[in-house]
């Protein structure tokens, strides 16, 4: 694939909506690598990335489509190579960008992803459901090109961010011995893992801490379903000066409760209600997400979004759907 890529002049790297640590880290690391091998490129985020990732070197080569769609469209017309990172369904980039990347007759499309049930829209697809993150897939891509010597500190920081965030700080079942070996190789380059962890997890505003305290007091439990759940409306979020990324990981507090095997978190976001699903039991939340909400993800971590409605109605409907799913 490297020989084909080198015939291209300009690449766009697309992330999914609601970019997280893995989508940002994998996109930035690939962008920096492509630049090193002489491929001009630009990263496209459908909407803004979390503020706690803004320190990352390489983000200056990115555009947010929701803010600069016209400029993104112009760049798309100029591109001849499209990378889709950390998603395998075009719907994950939102309506406007989906229309763009569905019109690629004159462009080569490459998909790097680790989620299940791919749409299979790419010319080349590297999809490894056993990978802990898309950042791991980018690392393997660089390694398979015999270019590990090109991984410098900024690339290693981006790769490590993707791995760190998508493995829950190396605690999820997706972590393998290979994951730790990759992290060790990045550490040998000079990576300061303490500094990255601090930037991502330990730079909290007072308002974010207060939001967490409020959220924890409002966790509800359905014992019969071994389920804990939490919901936050836009009005509730606004009381705590909410910024994108402030509720990252809230669903995991629900899952940490003794006797709980399943956890949901619902959050109003403009015209949508975004939902996060987690499990540490036998239920596959990606199947639940796909069957009832057209979402997806991993067996133990998935997500979806629905058109905004009354939050209590959405919660009640979600619980009823989950009861049916558990009884099937």
Protein backbone atom coordinates (compact mmCIF):
# COMPACT_ATOMS: atom_id res chain seq x y z
CA UNK A 1 0.00 0.00 0.00
CA UNK A 2 2.93 2.35 0.63
CA UNK A 3 3.83 2.40 -3.06
CA UNK A 4 0.28 3.42 -3.95
CA UNK A 5 0.15 6.12 -1.28
CA UNK A 6 3.37 7.66 -2.55
CA UNK A 7 1.74 8.23 -5.94
CA UNK A 8 -0.80 10.56 -4.33
CA UNK A 9 -0.38 14.30 -3.91
CA UNK A 10 -2.75 15.37 -1.17
CA UNK A 11 -4.49 13.36 1.55
CA UNK A 12 -7.35 14.18 3.88
CA UNK A 13 -7.60 12.34 7.20
CA UNK A 14 -11.17 12.13 8.52
CA UNK A 15 -12.05 11.51 12.16
CA UNK A 16 -15.52 10.64 13.48
CA UNK A 17 -17.98 12.98 15.18
CA UNK A 18 -17.27 13.57 18.82
CA UNK A 19 -13.53 12.94 18.38
CA UNK A 20 -11.99 11.17 21.35
CA UNK A 21 -8.41 10.44 22.36
CA UNK A 22 -7.99 7.57 19.91
CA UNK A 23 -9.49 9.32 16.89
CA UNK A 24 -7.41 12.43 17.59
CA UNK A 25 -4.22 10.55 18.46
CA UNK A 26 -4.40 8.20 15.49
CA UNK A 27 -5.24 11.04 13.09
CA UNK A 28 -2.41 13.25 14.32
CA UNK A 29 0.16 10.44 14.31
CA UNK A 30 -0.79 9.43 10.76
CA UNK A 31 -0.69 13.06 9.62
CA UNK A 32 2.79 13.60 11.05
CA UNK A 33 4.01 10.34 9.50
CA UNK A 34 2.58 11.15 6.06
CA UNK A 35 4.32 14.51 6.17
CA UNK A 36 7.60 12.77 6.89
CA UNK A 37 7.29 10.58 3.81
CA UNK A 38 6.37 13.51 1.59
CA UNK A 39 2.55 13.28 1.45
CA UNK A 40 0.87 16.65 1.97
CA UNK A 41 -2.21 16.22 4.17
CA UNK A 42 -4.84 17.82 6.38
CA UNK A 43 -6.82 16.38 9.31
CA UNK A 44 -10.59 16.94 9.25
CA UNK A 45 -12.60 16.76 12.47
CA UNK A 46 -16.41 16.88 12.01
CA UNK A 47 -16.75 18.87 15.23
CA UNK A 48 -14.35 20.19 17.89
CA UNK A 49 -12.05 17.83 19.77
CA UNK A 50 -11.92 17.90 23.61
CA UNK A 51 -9.97 20.81 25.07
CA UNK A 52 -7.82 18.46 27.15
CA UNK A 53 -6.16 17.24 23.92
CA UNK A 54 -5.30 20.69 22.59
CA UNK A 55 -1.64 20.38 23.66
CA UNK A 56 -0.89 17.78 20.99
CA UNK A 57 1.73 18.71 18.39
CA UNK A 58 0.22 18.27 14.93
CA UNK A 59 -3.26 19.59 15.68
CA UNK A 60 -2.31 22.84 13.97
CA UNK A 61 -2.69 20.87 10.72
CA UNK A 62 -6.40 20.27 11.28
CA UNK A 63 -9.75 21.85 10.45
CA UNK A 64 -13.11 21.51 12.20
CA UNK A 65 -15.76 20.97 9.51
CA UNK A 66 -18.64 22.33 11.58
CA UNK A 67 -16.78 25.65 11.69
CA UNK A 68 -15.18 25.70 8.21
CA UNK A 69 -17.24 23.44 5.96
CA UNK A 70 -16.63 25.54 2.84
CA UNK A 71 -12.86 25.33 3.28
CA UNK A 72 -13.08 21.59 3.94
CA UNK A 73 -15.13 21.14 0.76
CA UNK A 74 -12.51 23.01 -1.26
CA UNK A 75 -9.74 20.84 0.15
CA UNK A 76 -11.76 17.73 -0.61
CA UNK A 77 -11.92 18.71 -4.25
CA UNK A 78 -8.12 19.02 -4.30
CA UNK A 79 -7.46 15.68 -2.57
CA UNK A 80 -6.71 12.35 -4.22
CA UNK A 81 -6.34 10.22 -1.10
CA UNK A 82 -8.83 9.83 1.78
CA UNK A 83 -8.08 8.20 5.13
CA UNK A 84 -10.98 7.32 7.45
CA UNK A 85 -9.74 6.69 10.97
CA UNK A 86 -11.51 5.09 13.93
CA UNK A 87 -14.84 4.57 12.14
CA UNK A 88 -16.10 2.12 9.55
CA UNK A 89 -19.51 3.63 8.72
CA UNK A 90 -19.74 6.90 6.82
CA UNK A 91 -22.66 8.01 8.98
CA UNK A 92 -20.16 8.49 11.84
CA UNK A 93 -18.85 11.71 10.27
CA UNK A 94 -22.24 13.43 10.14
CA UNK A 95 -24.50 14.35 7.25
CA UNK A 96 -22.33 16.96 5.49
CA UNK A 97 -19.09 15.00 5.52
CA UNK A 98 -20.86 11.74 4.72
CA UNK A 99 -22.06 13.30 1.47
CA UNK A 100 -18.51 14.38 0.71
CA UNK A 101 -16.78 11.05 1.29
CA UNK A 102 -19.53 9.19 -0.54
CA UNK A 103 -18.51 11.01 -3.74
CA UNK A 104 -14.99 9.67 -4.21
CA UNK A 105 -14.84 8.28 -7.74
CA UNK A 106 -11.55 10.06 -8.35
CA UNK A 107 -10.02 9.37 -4.93
CA UNK A 108 -8.53 6.37 -3.14
CA UNK A 109 -10.17 5.61 0.23
CA UNK A 110 -8.29 3.87 3.05
CA UNK A 111 -10.02 2.82 6.30
CA UNK A 112 -8.13 2.15 9.56
CA UNK A 113 -10.44 0.90 12.32
CA UNK A 114 -10.95 -1.62 15.11
CA UNK A 115 -14.76 -1.72 15.44
CA UNK A 116 -17.16 -4.48 14.44
CA UNK A 117 -19.66 -4.71 11.55
CA UNK A 118 -17.91 -2.54 8.94
CA UNK A 119 -19.83 -0.91 6.10
CA UNK A 120 -16.97 -1.82 3.71
CA UNK A 121 -16.88 1.42 1.72
CA UNK A 122 -13.10 1.76 1.37
CA UNK A 123 -10.79 0.73 -1.46
CA UNK A 124 -8.40 -0.60 1.19
CA UNK A 125 -9.57 -1.45 4.70
CA UNK A 126 -7.31 -2.36 7.58
CA UNK A 127 -9.81 -3.36 10.24
CA UNK A 128 -8.50 -5.30 13.22
CA UNK A 129 -11.13 -5.91 15.87
CA UNK A 130 -8.47 -7.35 18.17
CA UNK A 131 -6.47 -4.12 18.19
CA UNK A 132 -6.80 -2.09 21.38
CA UNK A 133 -7.14 1.13 19.40
CA UNK A 134 -6.85 2.67 15.96
CA UNK A 135 -3.57 4.17 17.17
CA UNK A 136 -2.24 0.62 17.41
CA UNK A 137 -3.24 0.06 13.77
CA UNK A 138 -1.41 3.24 12.73
CA UNK A 139 1.68 2.01 14.62
CA UNK A 140 1.49 -1.33 12.79
CA UNK A 141 1.12 0.49 9.48
CA UNK A 142 4.30 2.48 10.13
CA UNK A 143 6.07 -0.67 11.32
CA UNK A 144 5.02 -2.68 8.26
CA UNK A 145 6.47 0.07 6.08
CA UNK A 146 9.82 -0.40 7.88
CA UNK A 147 9.58 3.17 9.12
CA UNK A 148 9.71 2.80 12.91
CA UNK A 149 12.80 5.02 12.83
CA UNK A 150 10.52 7.86 11.70
CA UNK A 151 8.51 7.79 14.94
CA UNK A 152 9.72 10.86 16.81
CA UNK A 153 8.45 12.36 20.05
CA UNK A 154 5.34 14.12 18.62
CA UNK A 155 4.27 10.94 16.77
CA UNK A 156 4.89 8.81 19.86
CA UNK A 157 2.86 11.19 22.03
CA UNK A 158 -0.09 11.03 19.62
CA UNK A 159 0.08 7.23 19.38
CA UNK A 160 0.34 6.86 23.15
CA UNK A 161 -2.63 9.18 23.69
CA UNK A 162 -4.77 7.00 21.42
CA UNK A 163 -3.72 3.81 23.19
CA UNK A 164 -3.98 5.27 26.70
CA UNK A 165 -7.48 6.67 26.28
CA UNK A 166 -9.00 3.77 24.34
CA UNK A 167 -7.75 1.18 26.83
CA UNK A 168 -8.93 3.03 29.94
CA UNK A 169 -5.30 3.51 31.00
CA UNK A 170 -4.46 -0.08 30.03
CA UNK A 171 -7.26 -1.70 32.08
CA UNK A 172 -9.68 -2.93 29.37
CA UNK A 173 -9.80 -6.48 28.05
CA UNK A 174 -8.56 -5.27 24.66
CA UNK A 175 -5.09 -4.76 26.14
CA UNK A 176 -2.61 -7.44 25.10
CA UNK A 177 1.08 -8.01 25.66
CA UNK A 178 1.55 -6.33 22.28
CA UNK A 179 -0.12 -3.19 23.64
CA UNK A 180 2.45 -2.95 26.41
CA UNK A 181 5.32 -3.65 24.01
CA UNK A 182 4.17 -0.77 21.77
CA UNK A 183 3.95 1.50 24.80
CA UNK A 184 7.44 0.39 25.85
CA UNK A 185 8.83 1.19 22.40
CA UNK A 186 7.28 4.67 22.55
CA UNK A 187 8.73 5.14 26.02
CA UNK A 188 12.18 4.28 24.65
CA UNK A 189 11.85 7.12 22.15
CA UNK A 190 11.66 9.54 25.07
CA UNK A 191 7.94 9.65 25.75
CA UNK A 192 7.02 11.12 29.13
CA UNK A 193 4.01 9.02 30.05
CA UNK A 194 3.48 10.88 33.33
CA UNK A 195 3.19 14.22 31.55
CA UNK A 196 0.67 12.85 29.03
CA UNK A 197 -1.46 11.25 31.74
CA UNK A 198 -1.43 14.53 33.65
CA UNK A 199 -2.45 16.56 30.58
CA UNK A 200 -5.37 14.25 29.84
CA UNK A 201 -6.67 13.27 33.28
CA UNK A 202 -5.30 15.69 35.87
CA UNK A 203 -6.01 19.17 34.48
CA UNK A 204 -9.58 19.55 35.72
CA UNK A 205 -11.38 22.83 36.20
CA UNK A 206 -13.34 23.44 39.39
CA UNK A 207 -16.56 23.47 37.34
CA UNK A 208 -15.77 20.03 35.89
CA UNK A 209 -15.15 18.61 39.38
CA UNK A 210 -18.42 20.15 40.56
CA UNK A 211 -20.22 18.63 37.56
CA UNK A 212 -18.81 15.21 38.44
CA UNK A 213 -19.98 15.62 42.03
CA UNK A 214 -23.47 16.54 40.83
CA UNK A 215 -23.54 13.64 38.39
CA UNK A 216 -22.45 11.06 40.97
CA UNK A 217 -25.30 12.12 43.26
CA UNK A 218 -27.79 11.47 40.47
CA UNK A 219 -26.80 7.92 39.49
CA UNK A 220 -29.81 5.61 39.45
CA UNK A 221 -29.85 1.82 39.71
CA UNK A 222 -32.08 -0.91 38.25
CA UNK A 223 -31.09 -3.89 40.37
CA UNK A 224 -33.04 -6.42 38.31
CA UNK A 225 -30.94 -5.48 35.27
CA UNK A 226 -27.67 -5.03 37.19
CA UNK A 227 -27.76 -1.58 35.60
CA UNK A 228 -26.62 1.85 36.78
CA UNK A 229 -27.35 4.89 34.67
CA UNK A 230 -26.94 8.62 34.59
CA UNK A 231 -28.42 11.40 32.46
CA UNK A 232 -27.57 15.08 32.11
CA UNK A 233 -29.66 17.67 30.31
CA UNK A 234 -28.26 20.71 28.55
CA UNK A 235 -29.67 22.92 31.32
CA UNK A 236 -27.86 20.86 33.95
CA UNK A 237 -24.61 20.98 32.00
CA UNK A 238 -24.81 24.74 31.49
CA UNK A 239 -24.93 25.28 35.27
CA UNK A 240 -21.39 23.92 35.44
CA UNK A 241 -19.89 25.80 32.47
CA UNK A 242 -19.71 22.53 30.52
CA UNK A 243 -16.96 22.17 27.92
CA UNK A 244 -16.58 19.38 25.40
CA UNK A 245 -14.87 16.46 27.11
CA UNK A 246 -15.90 17.38 30.66
CA UNK A 247 -18.15 14.31 30.96
CA UNK A 248 -15.55 11.91 29.56
CA UNK A 249 -15.53 8.74 31.64
CA UNK A 250 -18.70 9.49 33.63
CA UNK A 251 -20.27 6.22 32.47
CA UNK A 252 -17.40 4.29 34.03
CA UNK A 253 -18.33 5.55 37.50
CA UNK A 254 -21.70 3.85 37.02
CA UNK A 255 -19.98 0.63 36.00
CA UNK A 256 -17.68 0.73 39.03
CA UNK A 257 -20.54 0.23 41.49
CA UNK A 258 -20.50 -3.10 43.30
CA UNK A 259 -23.00 -5.56 41.84
CA UNK A 260 -23.41 -3.57 38.62
CA UNK A 261 -22.66 -5.25 35.29
CA UNK A 262 -24.08 -2.66 32.86
CA UNK A 263 -23.98 1.12 32.67
CA UNK A 264 -25.57 3.86 30.54
CA UNK A 265 -24.89 7.57 30.28
CA UNK A 266 -27.15 9.97 28.37
CA UNK A 267 -26.24 13.58 27.59
CA UNK A 268 -28.07 16.25 25.68
CA UNK A 269 -25.95 17.77 22.94
CA UNK A 270 -27.67 20.43 20.81
CA UNK A 271 -30.33 18.57 18.78
CA UNK A 272 -29.25 15.11 19.94
CA UNK A 273 -29.13 12.90 22.98
CA UNK A 274 -25.82 11.06 22.98
CA UNK A 275 -25.65 7.72 24.72
CA UNK A 276 -22.74 5.69 26.05
CA UNK A 277 -23.10 2.01 26.93
CA UNK A 278 -20.70 -0.11 29.01
CA UNK A 279 -20.69 -3.69 30.24
CA UNK A 280 -18.39 -5.90 32.28
CA UNK A 281 -20.69 -8.92 32.09
CA UNK A 282 -21.90 -11.23 29.35
CA UNK A 283 -24.14 -8.75 27.51
CA UNK A 284 -22.77 -7.25 24.31
CA UNK A 285 -23.67 -3.58 24.37
CA UNK A 286 -22.62 -3.06 20.74
CA UNK A 287 -25.44 -5.42 19.72
CA UNK A 288 -27.89 -3.55 21.94
CA UNK A 289 -26.74 -0.23 20.49
CA UNK A 290 -27.01 -1.45 16.90
CA UNK A 291 -30.35 -3.24 17.31
CA UNK A 292 -32.21 -0.40 19.03
CA UNK A 293 -30.42 2.80 18.08
CA UNK A 294 -28.37 2.15 14.96
CA UNK A 295 -25.17 2.70 16.94
CA UNK A 296 -22.14 0.53 17.37
CA UNK A 297 -18.79 0.02 19.00
CA UNK A 298 -17.25 -2.84 20.96
CA UNK A 299 -18.84 -5.67 22.92
CA UNK A 300 -18.11 -3.92 26.22
CA UNK A 301 -18.17 -0.27 25.11
CA UNK A 302 -20.53 1.24 22.56
CA UNK A 303 -22.44 4.39 21.76
CA UNK A 304 -25.34 5.86 19.82
CA UNK A 305 -27.25 9.09 19.32
CA UNK A 306 -30.92 9.86 18.88
CA UNK A 307 -32.85 12.97 17.97
CA UNK A 308 -33.43 15.08 21.01
CA UNK A 309 -36.59 14.41 22.99
CA UNK A 310 -37.65 14.74 26.61
CA UNK A 311 -34.78 13.24 28.62
CA UNK A 312 -36.99 11.29 31.00
CA UNK A 313 -38.86 9.82 28.05
CA UNK A 314 -35.56 8.83 26.45
CA UNK A 315 -34.35 7.21 29.67
CA UNK A 316 -37.60 5.28 30.18
CA UNK A 317 -37.52 4.05 26.59
CA UNK A 318 -33.89 3.02 26.96
CA UNK A 319 -34.58 0.95 30.07
CA UNK A 320 -37.56 -0.76 28.47
CA UNK A 321 -35.49 -1.58 25.39
CA UNK A 322 -32.76 -2.99 27.59
CA UNK A 323 -35.26 -5.18 29.46
CA UNK A 324 -36.39 -6.66 26.14
CA UNK A 325 -32.79 -7.11 25.00
CA UNK A 326 -31.85 -8.91 28.22
CA UNK A 327 -34.84 -11.26 27.91
CA UNK A 328 -34.09 -12.30 24.33
